[in-house]
């Protein structure tokens, strides 16, 4: 983590705090308020490119990905701004993976290096996400494999939705997109959406 800016390290410390793990995949107003209070400025600066220098180190690159891909979702739930940084995060993730930055991170941090690809409304990026999560699952010790198999399963479920619809139907209402009849049927199913 040498050379990583202190603000980037603060992002990682907050996100990977063991008390916060349970809040990663649920709507928690208190956690969202914490992210807002501590990191709203960083999201604004990251969106305008002012934090691009964070990507000079693997840990800084990951912190920037978390700000763009995760914090935007915490701060703007069910609002188009939740997905406004997705393309930037996907380009950044793809670049860092090509540089081998992901392989320099602990397994749980690699999950969030690959998450921007899982969030993509793009078939090729979805396929790449599944391959990366599969490799991650194979890389972890056997006693941790079940946890990472869960991440792989989730990536496959995202890929299946994009293969079927070409987009995530659960985003349609917030983005002003009209559901197709098939999407309406899908969204009515228990557990549909992410």
N, C-alpha and C. Protein backbone atom coordinates (compact mmCIF):
# COMPACT_ATOMS: atom_id res chain seq x y z
N UNK A 1 0.82 -1.21 0.00
CA UNK A 1 0.00 0.00 0.00
C UNK A 1 0.86 1.27 0.00
N UNK A 2 2.16 1.05 -0.08
CA UNK A 2 3.06 2.19 -0.15
C UNK A 2 2.76 3.01 -1.39
N UNK A 3 2.68 4.31 -1.23
CA UNK A 3 2.38 5.20 -2.33
C UNK A 3 0.90 5.45 -2.54
N UNK A 4 0.05 4.77 -1.79
CA UNK A 4 -1.40 4.97 -1.91
C UNK A 4 -1.80 6.18 -1.07
N UNK A 5 -2.53 7.13 -1.65
CA UNK A 5 -2.93 8.32 -0.89
C UNK A 5 -3.74 7.96 0.36
N UNK A 6 -3.56 8.73 1.44
CA UNK A 6 -4.30 8.45 2.68
C UNK A 6 -5.82 8.43 2.49
N UNK A 7 -6.35 9.29 1.63
CA UNK A 7 -7.80 9.29 1.39
C UNK A 7 -8.26 7.98 0.77
N UNK A 8 -7.43 7.40 -0.09
CA UNK A 8 -7.77 6.11 -0.69
C UNK A 8 -7.73 5.01 0.37
N UNK A 9 -6.74 5.06 1.23
CA UNK A 9 -6.65 4.08 2.31
C UNK A 9 -7.85 4.20 3.25
N UNK A 10 -8.35 5.42 3.44
CA UNK A 10 -9.54 5.62 4.29
C UNK A 10 -10.77 4.96 3.66
N UNK A 11 -10.88 5.01 2.35
CA UNK A 11 -11.98 4.32 1.65
C UNK A 11 -11.91 2.83 1.93
N UNK A 12 -10.74 2.25 1.77
CA UNK A 12 -10.58 0.81 1.99
C UNK A 12 -10.84 0.43 3.44
N UNK A 13 -10.36 1.25 4.37
CA UNK A 13 -10.56 0.96 5.79
C UNK A 13 -12.03 0.95 6.14
N UNK A 14 -12.77 1.89 5.59
CA UNK A 14 -14.21 1.96 5.86
C UNK A 14 -14.93 0.78 5.21
N UNK A 15 -14.70 0.58 3.92
CA UNK A 15 -15.44 -0.44 3.18
C UNK A 15 -15.17 -1.85 3.72
N UNK A 16 -13.93 -2.12 4.04
CA UNK A 16 -13.57 -3.47 4.48
C UNK A 16 -13.58 -3.64 6.00
N UNK A 17 -14.09 -2.67 6.71
CA UNK A 17 -14.29 -2.81 8.16
C UNK A 17 -15.22 -4.01 8.36
N UNK A 18 -14.81 -4.98 9.17
CA UNK A 18 -15.67 -6.17 9.36
C UNK A 18 -17.10 -5.85 9.77
N UNK A 19 -17.32 -4.75 10.45
CA UNK A 19 -18.68 -4.38 10.84
C UNK A 19 -19.53 -3.96 9.65
N UNK A 20 -18.89 -3.69 8.51
CA UNK A 20 -19.63 -3.20 7.34
C UNK A 20 -19.91 -4.30 6.32
N UNK A 21 -19.30 -5.46 6.45
CA UNK A 21 -19.47 -6.52 5.45
C UNK A 21 -20.94 -6.88 5.22
N UNK A 22 -21.72 -6.93 6.27
CA UNK A 22 -23.13 -7.30 6.14
C UNK A 22 -23.94 -6.22 5.42
N UNK A 23 -23.39 -5.04 5.28
CA UNK A 23 -24.12 -3.92 4.67
C UNK A 23 -23.81 -3.77 3.18
N UNK A 24 -22.89 -4.56 2.67
CA UNK A 24 -22.49 -4.43 1.28
C UNK A 24 -23.64 -4.66 0.31
N UNK A 25 -24.52 -5.60 0.60
CA UNK A 25 -25.52 -6.00 -0.39
C UNK A 25 -26.95 -5.75 0.08
N UNK A 26 -27.12 -4.81 0.98
CA UNK A 26 -28.46 -4.48 1.44
C UNK A 26 -28.60 -2.97 1.53
N UNK A 27 -29.80 -2.51 1.53
CA UNK A 27 -30.07 -1.10 1.71
C UNK A 27 -30.09 -0.81 3.20
N UNK A 28 -29.15 -0.02 3.65
CA UNK A 28 -29.02 0.34 5.06
C UNK A 28 -28.87 1.86 5.15
N UNK A 29 -29.94 2.57 5.50
CA UNK A 29 -29.87 4.03 5.52
C UNK A 29 -28.74 4.59 6.39
N UNK A 30 -28.45 3.94 7.50
CA UNK A 30 -27.38 4.43 8.37
C UNK A 30 -26.02 4.29 7.69
N UNK A 31 -25.81 3.16 7.03
CA UNK A 31 -24.54 2.97 6.31
C UNK A 31 -24.43 3.94 5.14
N UNK A 32 -25.52 4.12 4.40
CA UNK A 32 -25.52 5.09 3.31
C UNK A 32 -25.20 6.50 3.82
N UNK A 33 -25.75 6.85 4.99
CA UNK A 33 -25.47 8.17 5.58
C UNK A 33 -24.00 8.30 5.97
N UNK A 34 -23.42 7.22 6.46
CA UNK A 34 -22.00 7.22 6.79
C UNK A 34 -21.15 7.45 5.54
N UNK A 35 -21.48 6.73 4.46
CA UNK A 35 -20.76 6.90 3.20
C UNK A 35 -20.92 8.33 2.70
N UNK A 36 -22.12 8.85 2.79
CA UNK A 36 -22.38 10.23 2.36
C UNK A 36 -21.54 11.21 3.16
N UNK A 37 -21.54 11.08 4.47
CA UNK A 37 -20.82 12.03 5.34
C UNK A 37 -19.31 11.96 5.10
N UNK A 38 -18.80 10.76 4.88
CA UNK A 38 -17.35 10.61 4.79
C UNK A 38 -16.79 10.68 3.38
N UNK A 39 -17.63 10.34 2.36
CA UNK A 39 -17.05 10.16 1.04
C UNK A 39 -17.80 10.80 -0.13
N UNK A 40 -18.81 11.60 0.13
CA UNK A 40 -19.54 12.24 -0.98
C UNK A 40 -18.61 13.11 -1.82
N UNK A 41 -17.70 13.82 -1.16
CA UNK A 41 -16.76 14.68 -1.90
C UNK A 41 -15.85 13.84 -2.79
N UNK A 42 -15.41 12.68 -2.29
CA UNK A 42 -14.55 11.83 -3.10
C UNK A 42 -15.27 11.31 -4.33
N UNK A 43 -16.57 11.00 -4.19
CA UNK A 43 -17.32 10.55 -5.36
C UNK A 43 -17.39 11.66 -6.40
N UNK A 44 -17.66 12.86 -5.97
CA UNK A 44 -17.72 13.99 -6.89
C UNK A 44 -16.36 14.20 -7.58
N UNK A 45 -15.29 14.13 -6.80
CA UNK A 45 -13.96 14.32 -7.37
C UNK A 45 -13.58 13.16 -8.30
N UNK A 46 -13.93 11.94 -7.92
CA UNK A 46 -13.63 10.79 -8.77
C UNK A 46 -14.38 10.89 -10.09
N UNK A 47 -15.63 11.32 -10.03
CA UNK A 47 -16.45 11.44 -11.24
C UNK A 47 -15.87 12.47 -12.21
N UNK A 48 -15.20 13.49 -11.67
CA UNK A 48 -14.62 14.52 -12.54
C UNK A 48 -13.17 14.23 -12.91
N UNK A 49 -12.65 13.08 -12.49
CA UNK A 49 -11.29 12.69 -12.85
C UNK A 49 -10.21 13.23 -11.93
N UNK A 50 -10.61 13.91 -10.87
CA UNK A 50 -9.61 14.52 -9.98
C UNK A 50 -8.86 13.51 -9.11
N UNK A 51 -9.35 12.28 -9.04
CA UNK A 51 -8.69 11.26 -8.22
C UNK A 51 -8.02 10.18 -9.07
N UNK A 52 -7.85 10.43 -10.35
CA UNK A 52 -7.27 9.42 -11.24
C UNK A 52 -5.89 8.97 -10.78
N UNK A 53 -5.16 9.84 -10.09
CA UNK A 53 -3.82 9.47 -9.62
C UNK A 53 -3.85 8.35 -8.58
N UNK A 54 -5.00 8.12 -7.95
CA UNK A 54 -5.11 7.00 -7.01
C UNK A 54 -4.79 5.68 -7.70
N UNK A 55 -5.06 5.58 -8.97
CA UNK A 55 -4.91 4.31 -9.70
C UNK A 55 -3.46 3.94 -9.96
N UNK A 56 -2.51 4.69 -9.40
CA UNK A 56 -1.10 4.38 -9.59
C UNK A 56 -0.65 3.14 -8.80
N UNK A 57 -1.43 2.75 -7.80
CA UNK A 57 -1.11 1.56 -7.00
C UNK A 57 -2.33 0.63 -6.99
N UNK A 58 -2.13 -0.66 -6.80
CA UNK A 58 -3.28 -1.57 -6.76
C UNK A 58 -4.32 -1.19 -5.70
N UNK A 59 -3.87 -0.81 -4.50
CA UNK A 59 -4.84 -0.46 -3.46
C UNK A 59 -5.54 0.85 -3.78
N UNK A 60 -4.84 1.80 -4.37
CA UNK A 60 -5.48 3.05 -4.77
C UNK A 60 -6.46 2.84 -5.89
N UNK A 61 -6.08 1.97 -6.84
CA UNK A 61 -6.98 1.60 -7.95
C UNK A 61 -8.27 1.00 -7.40
N UNK A 62 -8.14 0.08 -6.44
CA UNK A 62 -9.33 -0.53 -5.86
C UNK A 62 -10.18 0.50 -5.13
N UNK A 63 -9.56 1.40 -4.38
CA UNK A 63 -10.31 2.44 -3.67
C UNK A 63 -11.10 3.29 -4.66
N UNK A 64 -10.48 3.64 -5.77
CA UNK A 64 -11.17 4.44 -6.79
C UNK A 64 -12.33 3.66 -7.39
N UNK A 65 -12.15 2.37 -7.62
CA UNK A 65 -13.25 1.54 -8.11
C UNK A 65 -14.41 1.52 -7.11
N UNK A 66 -14.10 1.39 -5.83
CA UNK A 66 -15.15 1.35 -4.82
C UNK A 66 -15.91 2.67 -4.78
N UNK A 67 -15.20 3.76 -4.86
CA UNK A 67 -15.86 5.08 -4.86
C UNK A 67 -16.80 5.18 -6.06
N UNK A 68 -16.31 4.84 -7.25
CA UNK A 68 -17.11 5.00 -8.47
C UNK A 68 -18.25 3.99 -8.55
N UNK A 69 -17.98 2.76 -8.21
CA UNK A 69 -18.94 1.68 -8.45
C UNK A 69 -19.85 1.40 -7.25
N UNK A 70 -19.31 1.44 -6.05
CA UNK A 70 -20.10 1.10 -4.87
C UNK A 70 -20.71 2.33 -4.20
N UNK A 71 -19.88 3.34 -3.95
CA UNK A 71 -20.40 4.51 -3.23
C UNK A 71 -21.49 5.21 -4.01
N UNK A 72 -21.40 5.20 -5.35
CA UNK A 72 -22.47 5.81 -6.14
C UNK A 72 -23.80 5.11 -5.89
N UNK A 73 -23.75 3.81 -5.67
CA UNK A 73 -24.97 3.04 -5.39
C UNK A 73 -25.48 3.33 -3.97
N UNK A 74 -24.57 3.50 -3.03
CA UNK A 74 -24.98 3.83 -1.66
C UNK A 74 -25.61 5.22 -1.59
N UNK A 75 -25.07 6.16 -2.33
CA UNK A 75 -25.54 7.54 -2.22
C UNK A 75 -26.78 7.83 -3.05
N UNK A 76 -27.01 7.06 -4.10
CA UNK A 76 -28.08 7.40 -5.04
C UNK A 76 -28.98 6.21 -5.36
N UNK A 77 -29.42 5.52 -4.36
CA UNK A 77 -30.28 4.35 -4.58
C UNK A 77 -31.54 4.73 -5.38
N UNK A 78 -31.85 3.90 -6.37
CA UNK A 78 -33.05 4.08 -7.22
C UNK A 78 -33.07 5.44 -7.91
N UNK A 79 -31.91 5.95 -8.21
CA UNK A 79 -31.74 7.24 -8.87
C UNK A 79 -30.76 7.00 -10.02
N UNK A 80 -30.96 7.63 -11.18
CA UNK A 80 -30.03 7.39 -12.29
C UNK A 80 -28.56 7.64 -11.95
N UNK A 81 -28.30 8.49 -10.97
CA UNK A 81 -26.91 8.76 -10.59
C UNK A 81 -26.24 7.54 -9.96
N UNK A 82 -27.02 6.55 -9.53
CA UNK A 82 -26.44 5.32 -8.98
C UNK A 82 -25.57 4.61 -10.01
N UNK A 83 -25.91 4.75 -11.29
CA UNK A 83 -25.21 4.04 -12.36
C UNK A 83 -24.41 4.98 -13.25
N UNK A 84 -24.36 6.25 -12.90
CA UNK A 84 -23.73 7.25 -13.77
C UNK A 84 -22.23 7.02 -13.95
N UNK A 85 -21.58 6.38 -13.00
CA UNK A 85 -20.14 6.17 -13.08
C UNK A 85 -19.77 4.77 -13.57
N UNK A 86 -20.75 4.00 -13.97
CA UNK A 86 -20.48 2.61 -14.34
C UNK A 86 -19.47 2.47 -15.48
N UNK A 87 -19.61 3.25 -16.53
CA UNK A 87 -18.68 3.12 -17.65
C UNK A 87 -17.26 3.48 -17.23
N UNK A 88 -17.12 4.52 -16.43
CA UNK A 88 -15.79 4.88 -15.93
C UNK A 88 -15.21 3.77 -15.08
N UNK A 89 -16.04 3.20 -14.20
CA UNK A 89 -15.57 2.12 -13.34
C UNK A 89 -15.21 0.88 -14.17
N UNK A 90 -15.97 0.59 -15.20
CA UNK A 90 -15.68 -0.57 -16.05
C UNK A 90 -14.37 -0.39 -16.80
N UNK A 91 -14.14 0.80 -17.34
CA UNK A 91 -12.87 1.07 -18.04
C UNK A 91 -11.70 0.96 -17.07
N UNK A 92 -11.86 1.53 -15.88
CA UNK A 92 -10.81 1.49 -14.87
C UNK A 92 -10.54 0.05 -14.43
N UNK A 93 -11.59 -0.72 -14.20
CA UNK A 93 -11.43 -2.12 -13.79
C UNK A 93 -10.70 -2.90 -14.87
N UNK A 94 -11.11 -2.75 -16.11
CA UNK A 94 -10.50 -3.47 -17.22
C UNK A 94 -9.02 -3.14 -17.34
N UNK A 95 -8.71 -1.85 -17.21
CA UNK A 95 -7.31 -1.42 -17.29
C UNK A 95 -6.48 -2.03 -16.16
N UNK A 96 -6.96 -1.93 -14.92
CA UNK A 96 -6.21 -2.45 -13.79
C UNK A 96 -6.03 -3.95 -13.82
N UNK A 97 -7.05 -4.65 -14.29
CA UNK A 97 -6.95 -6.11 -14.42
C UNK A 97 -5.87 -6.45 -15.46
N UNK A 98 -5.83 -5.71 -16.56
CA UNK A 98 -4.80 -5.93 -17.58
C UNK A 98 -3.41 -5.67 -17.00
N UNK A 99 -3.31 -4.75 -16.06
CA UNK A 99 -2.04 -4.44 -15.40
C UNK A 99 -1.67 -5.46 -14.33
N UNK A 100 -2.61 -6.35 -13.99
CA UNK A 100 -2.36 -7.34 -12.95
C UNK A 100 -2.59 -6.83 -11.54
N UNK A 101 -3.22 -5.67 -11.40
CA UNK A 101 -3.45 -5.11 -10.07
C UNK A 101 -4.33 -6.01 -9.22
N UNK A 102 -5.33 -6.64 -9.84
CA UNK A 102 -6.25 -7.49 -9.07
C UNK A 102 -5.51 -8.63 -8.39
N UNK A 103 -4.50 -9.18 -9.02
CA UNK A 103 -3.75 -10.32 -8.48
C UNK A 103 -2.86 -9.93 -7.30
N UNK A 104 -2.73 -8.63 -7.07
CA UNK A 104 -1.92 -8.15 -5.95
C UNK A 104 -2.78 -7.85 -4.72
N UNK A 105 -4.07 -8.13 -4.81
CA UNK A 105 -5.01 -7.84 -3.73
C UNK A 105 -5.45 -9.12 -3.03
N UNK A 106 -5.84 -9.02 -1.76
CA UNK A 106 -6.42 -10.19 -1.08
C UNK A 106 -7.73 -10.60 -1.76
N UNK A 107 -8.13 -11.86 -1.61
CA UNK A 107 -9.33 -12.34 -2.31
C UNK A 107 -10.58 -11.49 -2.10
N UNK A 108 -10.88 -11.08 -0.88
CA UNK A 108 -12.11 -10.31 -0.66
C UNK A 108 -12.05 -8.97 -1.37
N UNK A 109 -10.87 -8.40 -1.52
CA UNK A 109 -10.75 -7.15 -2.24
C UNK A 109 -10.89 -7.37 -3.74
N UNK A 110 -10.44 -8.52 -4.22
CA UNK A 110 -10.62 -8.83 -5.65
C UNK A 110 -12.09 -8.86 -6.04
N UNK A 111 -12.95 -9.25 -5.11
CA UNK A 111 -14.39 -9.25 -5.40
C UNK A 111 -14.82 -7.88 -5.91
N UNK A 112 -14.35 -6.82 -5.26
CA UNK A 112 -14.79 -5.47 -5.63
C UNK A 112 -14.00 -4.90 -6.80
N UNK A 113 -12.91 -5.55 -7.16
CA UNK A 113 -12.22 -5.19 -8.40
C UNK A 113 -12.99 -5.70 -9.61
N UNK A 114 -13.72 -6.81 -9.42
CA UNK A 114 -14.48 -7.41 -10.52
C UNK A 114 -15.93 -6.94 -10.57
N UNK A 115 -16.41 -6.37 -9.49
CA UNK A 115 -17.82 -5.98 -9.41
C UNK A 115 -18.25 -5.01 -10.52
N UNK A 116 -17.41 -4.03 -10.93
CA UNK A 116 -17.87 -3.16 -12.02
C UNK A 116 -18.22 -3.92 -13.29
N UNK A 117 -17.53 -5.03 -13.55
CA UNK A 117 -17.84 -5.83 -14.74
C UNK A 117 -19.15 -6.57 -14.55
N UNK A 118 -19.42 -7.01 -13.33
CA UNK A 118 -20.69 -7.68 -13.02
C UNK A 118 -21.86 -6.70 -13.13
N UNK A 119 -21.60 -5.43 -12.92
CA UNK A 119 -22.65 -4.41 -13.01
C UNK A 119 -22.89 -3.93 -14.43
N UNK A 120 -22.10 -4.41 -15.39
CA UNK A 120 -22.16 -3.91 -16.76
C UNK A 120 -23.38 -4.45 -17.51
N UNK A 121 -23.99 -3.60 -18.27
CA UNK A 121 -25.04 -4.03 -19.20
C UNK A 121 -24.37 -4.33 -20.55
N UNK A 122 -23.47 -5.29 -20.51
CA UNK A 122 -22.64 -5.63 -21.65
C UNK A 122 -22.30 -7.12 -21.55
N UNK A 123 -22.61 -7.88 -22.57
CA UNK A 123 -22.42 -9.34 -22.52
C UNK A 123 -20.97 -9.75 -22.37
N UNK A 124 -20.08 -9.09 -23.10
CA UNK A 124 -18.66 -9.46 -23.01
C UNK A 124 -18.10 -9.19 -21.62
N UNK A 125 -18.45 -8.05 -21.04
CA UNK A 125 -17.96 -7.76 -19.70
C UNK A 125 -18.56 -8.71 -18.68
N UNK A 126 -19.81 -9.11 -18.89
CA UNK A 126 -20.42 -10.10 -18.01
C UNK A 126 -19.68 -11.43 -18.08
N UNK A 127 -19.35 -11.86 -19.28
CA UNK A 127 -18.61 -13.11 -19.44
C UNK A 127 -17.24 -13.01 -18.78
N UNK A 128 -16.62 -11.86 -18.91
CA UNK A 128 -15.32 -11.64 -18.27
C UNK A 128 -15.46 -11.71 -16.75
N UNK A 129 -16.53 -11.11 -16.22
CA UNK A 129 -16.75 -11.14 -14.77
C UNK A 129 -16.88 -12.58 -14.29
N UNK A 130 -17.65 -13.38 -15.00
CA UNK A 130 -17.82 -14.79 -14.60
C UNK A 130 -16.48 -15.51 -14.62
N UNK A 131 -15.68 -15.27 -15.64
CA UNK A 131 -14.37 -15.92 -15.71
C UNK A 131 -13.47 -15.48 -14.56
N UNK A 132 -13.49 -14.21 -14.23
CA UNK A 132 -12.65 -13.69 -13.14
C UNK A 132 -13.12 -14.22 -11.79
N UNK A 133 -14.41 -14.25 -11.56
CA UNK A 133 -14.91 -14.81 -10.31
C UNK A 133 -14.63 -16.31 -10.23
N UNK A 134 -14.67 -16.99 -11.37
CA UNK A 134 -14.32 -18.41 -11.39
C UNK A 134 -12.86 -18.63 -11.01
N UNK A 135 -11.97 -17.80 -11.57
CA UNK A 135 -10.55 -17.90 -11.23
C UNK A 135 -10.32 -17.59 -9.76
N UNK A 136 -11.02 -16.58 -9.26
CA UNK A 136 -10.90 -16.23 -7.84
C UNK A 136 -11.33 -17.39 -6.97
N UNK A 137 -12.42 -18.01 -7.31
CA UNK A 137 -12.93 -19.16 -6.55
C UNK A 137 -11.90 -20.28 -6.52
N UNK A 138 -11.22 -20.49 -7.63
CA UNK A 138 -10.19 -21.53 -7.70
C UNK A 138 -8.93 -21.17 -6.93
N UNK A 139 -8.69 -19.87 -6.76
CA UNK A 139 -7.47 -19.40 -6.11
C UNK A 139 -7.52 -19.46 -4.58
N UNK A 140 -8.72 -19.42 -4.01
CA UNK A 140 -8.82 -19.35 -2.55
C UNK A 140 -8.64 -20.73 -1.93
N UNK A 141 -8.21 -20.78 -0.67
CA UNK A 141 -8.10 -22.08 0.01
C UNK A 141 -9.45 -22.79 0.06
N UNK A 142 -9.40 -24.12 0.12
CA UNK A 142 -10.61 -24.95 0.08
C UNK A 142 -11.62 -24.56 1.16
N UNK A 143 -11.14 -24.16 2.34
CA UNK A 143 -12.07 -23.83 3.42
C UNK A 143 -12.79 -22.50 3.21
N UNK A 144 -12.37 -21.72 2.20
CA UNK A 144 -13.04 -20.46 1.88
C UNK A 144 -13.84 -20.56 0.58
N UNK A 145 -13.76 -21.69 -0.07
CA UNK A 145 -14.32 -21.81 -1.42
C UNK A 145 -15.83 -21.60 -1.46
N UNK A 146 -16.56 -22.04 -0.46
CA UNK A 146 -18.02 -21.87 -0.47
C UNK A 146 -18.40 -20.39 -0.56
N UNK A 147 -17.70 -19.57 0.22
CA UNK A 147 -18.00 -18.13 0.19
C UNK A 147 -17.79 -17.57 -1.21
N UNK A 148 -16.68 -17.93 -1.83
CA UNK A 148 -16.37 -17.38 -3.15
C UNK A 148 -17.19 -18.04 -4.25
N UNK A 149 -17.64 -19.25 -4.02
CA UNK A 149 -18.57 -19.89 -4.95
C UNK A 149 -19.88 -19.11 -4.98
N UNK A 150 -20.25 -18.52 -3.85
CA UNK A 150 -21.43 -17.66 -3.80
C UNK A 150 -21.27 -16.43 -4.67
N UNK A 151 -20.08 -15.83 -4.64
CA UNK A 151 -19.83 -14.67 -5.51
C UNK A 151 -19.87 -15.08 -6.98
N UNK A 152 -19.33 -16.25 -7.29
CA UNK A 152 -19.37 -16.75 -8.66
C UNK A 152 -20.81 -17.01 -9.10
N UNK A 153 -21.62 -17.59 -8.24
CA UNK A 153 -23.02 -17.83 -8.56
C UNK A 153 -23.74 -16.52 -8.87
N UNK A 154 -23.48 -15.52 -8.05
CA UNK A 154 -24.12 -14.22 -8.27
C UNK A 154 -23.69 -13.62 -9.61
N UNK A 155 -22.40 -13.76 -9.95
CA UNK A 155 -21.92 -13.27 -11.24
C UNK A 155 -22.63 -13.99 -12.38
N UNK A 156 -22.81 -15.30 -12.25
CA UNK A 156 -23.52 -16.05 -13.29
C UNK A 156 -24.96 -15.60 -13.41
N UNK A 157 -25.60 -15.28 -12.30
CA UNK A 157 -26.99 -14.81 -12.35
C UNK A 157 -27.07 -13.46 -13.05
N UNK A 158 -26.11 -12.58 -12.79
CA UNK A 158 -26.08 -11.29 -13.50
C UNK A 158 -25.89 -11.52 -15.00
N UNK A 159 -24.95 -12.41 -15.33
CA UNK A 159 -24.68 -12.70 -16.74
C UNK A 159 -25.94 -13.23 -17.43
N UNK A 160 -26.70 -14.08 -16.75
CA UNK A 160 -27.91 -14.66 -17.34
C UNK A 160 -28.95 -13.58 -17.65
N UNK A 161 -29.07 -12.61 -16.77
CA UNK A 161 -30.03 -11.52 -17.01
C UNK A 161 -29.62 -10.71 -18.24
N UNK A 162 -28.33 -10.40 -18.34
CA UNK A 162 -27.86 -9.62 -19.50
C UNK A 162 -27.98 -10.45 -20.78
N UNK A 163 -27.69 -11.74 -20.70
CA UNK A 163 -27.85 -12.60 -21.89
C UNK A 163 -29.30 -12.63 -22.34
N UNK A 164 -30.21 -12.60 -21.39
CA UNK A 164 -31.64 -12.70 -21.71
C UNK A 164 -32.22 -11.37 -22.19
N UNK A 165 -31.85 -10.27 -21.51
CA UNK A 165 -32.50 -8.99 -21.81
C UNK A 165 -31.58 -7.93 -22.42
N UNK A 166 -30.28 -8.09 -22.26
CA UNK A 166 -29.35 -7.08 -22.75
C UNK A 166 -29.21 -5.89 -21.82
N UNK A 167 -29.93 -5.94 -20.72
CA UNK A 167 -29.91 -4.87 -19.72
C UNK A 167 -30.49 -5.42 -18.42
N UNK A 168 -30.36 -4.64 -17.35
CA UNK A 168 -30.95 -5.04 -16.08
C UNK A 168 -32.33 -4.41 -15.95
N UNK A 169 -33.40 -5.20 -16.10
CA UNK A 169 -34.74 -4.63 -16.05
C UNK A 169 -35.06 -3.88 -14.75
N UNK A 170 -34.44 -4.28 -13.63
CA UNK A 170 -34.76 -3.59 -12.38
C UNK A 170 -34.28 -2.13 -12.38
N UNK A 171 -33.46 -1.75 -13.32
CA UNK A 171 -33.02 -0.35 -13.45
C UNK A 171 -33.99 0.48 -14.30
N UNK A 172 -34.87 -0.17 -15.03
CA UNK A 172 -35.67 0.52 -16.04
C UNK A 172 -36.46 1.70 -15.48
N UNK A 173 -37.17 1.49 -14.39
CA UNK A 173 -38.02 2.57 -13.85
C UNK A 173 -37.18 3.80 -13.50
N UNK A 174 -36.07 3.59 -12.80
CA UNK A 174 -35.23 4.72 -12.39
C UNK A 174 -34.60 5.43 -13.58
N UNK A 175 -34.30 4.65 -14.63
CA UNK A 175 -33.66 5.23 -15.81
C UNK A 175 -34.65 5.70 -16.87
N UNK A 176 -35.94 5.59 -16.58
CA UNK A 176 -36.96 6.04 -17.53
C UNK A 176 -37.08 5.14 -18.74
N UNK A 177 -36.72 3.87 -18.60
CA UNK A 177 -36.83 2.92 -19.70
C UNK A 177 -38.14 2.15 -19.56
N UNK A 178 -38.74 1.85 -20.68
CA UNK A 178 -40.00 1.11 -20.70
C UNK A 178 -39.71 -0.38 -20.67
N UNK A 179 -40.36 -1.10 -19.78
CA UNK A 179 -40.21 -2.55 -19.72
C UNK A 179 -40.83 -3.20 -20.95
N UNK A 180 -40.17 -4.23 -21.45
CA UNK A 180 -40.80 -5.08 -22.45
C UNK A 180 -41.78 -5.99 -21.69
N UNK A 181 -42.73 -6.61 -22.39
CA UNK A 181 -43.62 -7.56 -21.69
C UNK A 181 -42.84 -8.66 -20.97
N UNK A 182 -41.78 -9.16 -21.60
CA UNK A 182 -40.98 -10.22 -20.97
C UNK A 182 -40.30 -9.70 -19.69
N UNK A 183 -39.83 -8.46 -19.73
CA UNK A 183 -39.20 -7.88 -18.54
C UNK A 183 -40.22 -7.70 -17.42
N UNK A 184 -41.42 -7.29 -17.77
CA UNK A 184 -42.47 -7.12 -16.76
C UNK A 184 -42.76 -8.45 -16.08
N UNK A 185 -42.84 -9.50 -16.86
CA UNK A 185 -43.06 -10.84 -16.30
C UNK A 185 -41.91 -11.23 -15.39
N UNK A 186 -40.69 -11.00 -15.85
CA UNK A 186 -39.50 -11.33 -15.06
C UNK A 186 -39.50 -10.57 -13.73
N UNK A 187 -39.78 -9.28 -13.77
CA UNK A 187 -39.74 -8.46 -12.56
C UNK A 187 -40.80 -8.86 -11.54
N UNK A 188 -41.84 -9.50 -12.00
CA UNK A 188 -42.90 -9.99 -11.09
C UNK A 188 -42.51 -11.28 -10.38
N UNK A 189 -41.43 -11.93 -10.84
CA UNK A 189 -41.00 -13.19 -10.22
C UNK A 189 -40.34 -12.91 -8.87
N UNK A 190 -40.52 -13.80 -7.90
CA UNK A 190 -39.83 -13.62 -6.62
C UNK A 190 -38.32 -13.63 -6.80
N UNK A 191 -37.65 -12.68 -6.17
CA UNK A 191 -36.19 -12.61 -6.22
C UNK A 191 -35.62 -12.00 -7.48
N UNK A 192 -36.47 -11.46 -8.36
CA UNK A 192 -35.97 -10.84 -9.58
C UNK A 192 -35.23 -9.55 -9.24
N UNK A 193 -34.29 -9.22 -10.07
CA UNK A 193 -33.52 -7.99 -9.87
C UNK A 193 -32.38 -8.21 -8.91
N UNK A 194 -31.57 -7.17 -8.80
CA UNK A 194 -30.40 -7.22 -7.92
C UNK A 194 -30.33 -5.95 -7.10
